Amino acid sequence: MLATYGERAPEQVREQIDSLELAWLIHQVEQRYGVVLDLDDDLLMRMTSVDGAVVVLTEALAERAGD
């Protein structure tokens, strides 16, 4: 998903995520999964890397599935 921001190849995506990439990623996840994610500041701070974003988004989507 991050590669679609700026039309990059997946191998061009860096491990560190900047604020614009993070906003894009959250928007893409919300669109793809039809959810609205209300992530607090602590969760957003954990999403400064691809690995961190994967963990937070996986947890958030699993929580939403339980609603």
N, C-alpha and C. Protein backbone atom coordinates (compact mmCIF):
# COMPACT_ATOMS: atom_id res chain seq x y z
N MET A 1 0.82 -1.20 0.00
CA MET A 1 0.00 0.00 0.00
C MET A 1 0.86 1.26 0.00
N LEU A 2 1.93 1.24 0.77
CA LEU A 2 2.78 2.43 0.81
C LEU A 2 3.43 2.72 -0.54
N ALA A 3 3.67 1.69 -1.30
CA ALA A 3 4.29 1.89 -2.61
C ALA A 3 3.37 2.67 -3.55
N THR A 4 2.06 2.59 -3.33
CA THR A 4 1.14 3.31 -4.20
C THR A 4 1.21 4.82 -3.96
N TYR A 5 1.72 5.22 -2.82
CA TYR A 5 1.93 6.64 -2.55
C TYR A 5 3.18 7.07 -3.30
N GLY A 6 3.03 7.86 -4.30
CA GLY A 6 4.15 8.29 -5.12
C GLY A 6 4.49 7.32 -6.23
N GLU A 7 3.61 6.34 -6.43
CA GLU A 7 3.79 5.36 -7.51
C GLU A 7 5.20 4.78 -7.53
N ARG A 8 5.59 4.20 -6.40
CA ARG A 8 6.92 3.61 -6.26
C ARG A 8 6.84 2.09 -6.41
N ALA A 9 7.97 1.50 -6.66
CA ALA A 9 8.08 0.05 -6.59
C ALA A 9 8.16 -0.33 -5.11
N PRO A 10 7.64 -1.49 -4.72
CA PRO A 10 7.68 -1.89 -3.32
C PRO A 10 9.08 -1.82 -2.69
N GLU A 11 10.12 -2.15 -3.46
CA GLU A 11 11.47 -2.11 -2.90
C GLU A 11 11.97 -0.70 -2.66
N GLN A 12 11.25 0.31 -3.15
CA GLN A 12 11.63 1.70 -2.92
C GLN A 12 11.06 2.27 -1.63
N VAL A 13 10.19 1.51 -0.97
CA VAL A 13 9.59 1.96 0.28
C VAL A 13 10.61 1.78 1.40
N ARG A 14 10.88 2.87 2.11
CA ARG A 14 11.83 2.81 3.23
C ARG A 14 11.14 2.24 4.47
N GLU A 15 11.91 1.75 5.42
CA GLU A 15 11.36 1.21 6.67
C GLU A 15 10.72 2.32 7.50
N GLN A 16 11.34 3.49 7.52
CA GLN A 16 10.78 4.61 8.28
C GLN A 16 9.62 5.23 7.50
N ILE A 17 8.54 5.55 8.21
CA ILE A 17 7.35 6.15 7.60
C ILE A 17 7.25 7.59 8.05
N ASP A 18 7.12 8.52 7.10
CA ASP A 18 6.93 9.92 7.49
C ASP A 18 5.43 10.20 7.67
N SER A 19 5.10 11.39 8.12
CA SER A 19 3.71 11.71 8.46
C SER A 19 2.77 11.66 7.26
N LEU A 20 3.22 12.08 6.09
CA LEU A 20 2.37 12.01 4.90
C LEU A 20 2.13 10.56 4.48
N GLU A 21 3.16 9.75 4.54
CA GLU A 21 3.00 8.33 4.22
C GLU A 21 2.04 7.66 5.21
N LEU A 22 2.15 8.03 6.48
CA LEU A 22 1.28 7.46 7.50
C LEU A 22 -0.18 7.83 7.24
N ALA A 23 -0.43 9.09 6.93
CA ALA A 23 -1.80 9.52 6.63
C ALA A 23 -2.34 8.76 5.42
N TRP A 24 -1.51 8.61 4.39
CA TRP A 24 -1.90 7.87 3.19
C TRP A 24 -2.22 6.42 3.53
N LEU A 25 -1.36 5.80 4.33
CA LEU A 25 -1.54 4.40 4.69
C LEU A 25 -2.85 4.20 5.47
N ILE A 26 -3.10 5.04 6.43
CA ILE A 26 -4.33 4.92 7.22
C ILE A 26 -5.55 5.09 6.32
N HIS A 27 -5.50 6.08 5.45
CA HIS A 27 -6.61 6.30 4.51
C HIS A 27 -6.83 5.07 3.62
N GLN A 28 -5.75 4.50 3.10
CA GLN A 28 -5.87 3.33 2.24
C GLN A 28 -6.46 2.13 2.98
N VAL A 29 -6.04 1.92 4.22
CA VAL A 29 -6.58 0.82 5.02
C VAL A 29 -8.07 1.04 5.28
N GLU A 30 -8.44 2.26 5.63
CA GLU A 30 -9.86 2.56 5.87
C GLU A 30 -10.69 2.31 4.61
N GLN A 31 -10.19 2.73 3.47
CA GLN A 31 -10.91 2.52 2.21
C GLN A 31 -11.01 1.03 1.86
N ARG A 32 -9.91 0.33 1.97
CA ARG A 32 -9.89 -1.08 1.57
C ARG A 32 -10.77 -1.94 2.46
N TYR A 33 -10.76 -1.67 3.77
CA TYR A 33 -11.48 -2.52 4.71
C TYR A 33 -12.81 -1.94 5.17
N GLY A 34 -13.17 -0.76 4.66
CA GLY A 34 -14.46 -0.16 4.99
C GLY A 34 -14.63 0.14 6.47
N VAL A 35 -13.58 0.64 7.08
CA VAL A 35 -13.61 0.96 8.51
C VAL A 35 -13.14 2.39 8.72
N VAL A 36 -13.42 2.91 9.88
CA VAL A 36 -12.87 4.19 10.31
C VAL A 36 -11.99 3.87 11.51
N LEU A 37 -10.72 4.18 11.38
CA LEU A 37 -9.77 3.90 12.47
C LEU A 37 -9.59 5.16 13.30
N ASP A 38 -9.85 5.04 14.58
CA ASP A 38 -9.66 6.15 15.51
C ASP A 38 -8.43 5.83 16.35
N LEU A 39 -7.27 6.16 15.80
CA LEU A 39 -6.00 5.81 16.45
C LEU A 39 -5.52 6.97 17.31
N ASP A 40 -5.24 6.68 18.58
CA ASP A 40 -4.78 7.74 19.47
C ASP A 40 -3.30 8.04 19.22
N ASP A 41 -2.81 9.06 19.87
CA ASP A 41 -1.42 9.50 19.66
C ASP A 41 -0.40 8.41 19.98
N ASP A 42 -0.66 7.61 21.01
CA ASP A 42 0.28 6.54 21.36
C ASP A 42 0.40 5.52 20.23
N LEU A 43 -0.73 5.16 19.64
CA LEU A 43 -0.70 4.21 18.53
C LEU A 43 -0.01 4.81 17.31
N LEU A 44 -0.29 6.06 17.03
CA LEU A 44 0.35 6.72 15.89
C LEU A 44 1.86 6.79 16.08
N MET A 45 2.31 7.01 17.30
CA MET A 45 3.75 7.07 17.57
C MET A 45 4.42 5.71 17.35
N ARG A 46 3.66 4.64 17.49
CA ARG A 46 4.21 3.30 17.25
C ARG A 46 4.30 2.98 15.75
N MET A 47 3.73 3.85 14.92
CA MET A 47 3.65 3.60 13.48
C MET A 47 4.69 4.39 12.69
N THR A 48 5.85 4.60 13.25
CA THR A 48 6.89 5.35 12.55
C THR A 48 7.74 4.46 11.64
N SER A 49 7.48 3.17 11.68
CA SER A 49 8.18 2.23 10.80
C SER A 49 7.16 1.30 10.15
N VAL A 50 7.56 0.65 9.08
CA VAL A 50 6.66 -0.29 8.42
C VAL A 50 6.28 -1.41 9.38
N ASP A 51 7.25 -1.94 10.10
CA ASP A 51 6.96 -3.02 11.05
C ASP A 51 5.97 -2.56 12.12
N GLY A 52 6.19 -1.37 12.66
CA GLY A 52 5.29 -0.84 13.68
C GLY A 52 3.89 -0.62 13.15
N ALA A 53 3.79 -0.12 11.93
CA ALA A 53 2.48 0.11 11.30
C ALA A 53 1.73 -1.20 11.10
N VAL A 54 2.45 -2.23 10.69
CA VAL A 54 1.82 -3.54 10.48
C VAL A 54 1.24 -4.05 11.79
N VAL A 55 1.99 -3.94 12.87
CA VAL A 55 1.52 -4.42 14.18
C VAL A 55 0.28 -3.64 14.61
N VAL A 56 0.35 -2.32 14.57
CA VAL A 56 -0.77 -1.48 15.03
C VAL A 56 -2.01 -1.71 14.17
N LEU A 57 -1.84 -1.73 12.86
CA LEU A 57 -2.99 -1.91 11.97
C LEU A 57 -3.60 -3.30 12.12
N THR A 58 -2.78 -4.30 12.30
CA THR A 58 -3.29 -5.66 12.53
C THR A 58 -4.13 -5.71 13.80
N GLU A 59 -3.62 -5.09 14.86
CA GLU A 59 -4.37 -5.05 16.13
C GLU A 59 -5.67 -4.27 15.98
N ALA A 60 -5.60 -3.12 15.32
CA ALA A 60 -6.78 -2.26 15.15
C ALA A 60 -7.85 -2.95 14.31
N LEU A 61 -7.45 -3.62 13.23
CA LEU A 61 -8.42 -4.31 12.39
C LEU A 61 -9.01 -5.51 13.10
N ALA A 62 -8.20 -6.22 13.89
CA ALA A 62 -8.72 -7.37 14.65
C ALA A 62 -9.73 -6.89 15.68
N GLU A 63 -9.44 -5.76 16.31
CA GLU A 63 -10.36 -5.19 17.29
C GLU A 63 -11.68 -4.79 16.63
N ARG A 64 -11.59 -4.16 15.45
CA ARG A 64 -12.79 -3.76 14.70
C ARG A 64 -13.62 -4.97 14.29
N ALA A 65 -12.95 -6.08 13.97
CA ALA A 65 -13.66 -7.29 13.56
C ALA A 65 -14.45 -7.86 14.72
N GLY A 66 -13.98 -7.58 15.94
CA GLY A 66 -14.67 -8.07 17.13
C GLY A 66 -15.86 -7.21 17.53
N ASP A 67 -16.01 -6.04 16.91
CA ASP A 67 -17.14 -5.14 17.25
C ASP A 67 -18.46 -5.71 16.79
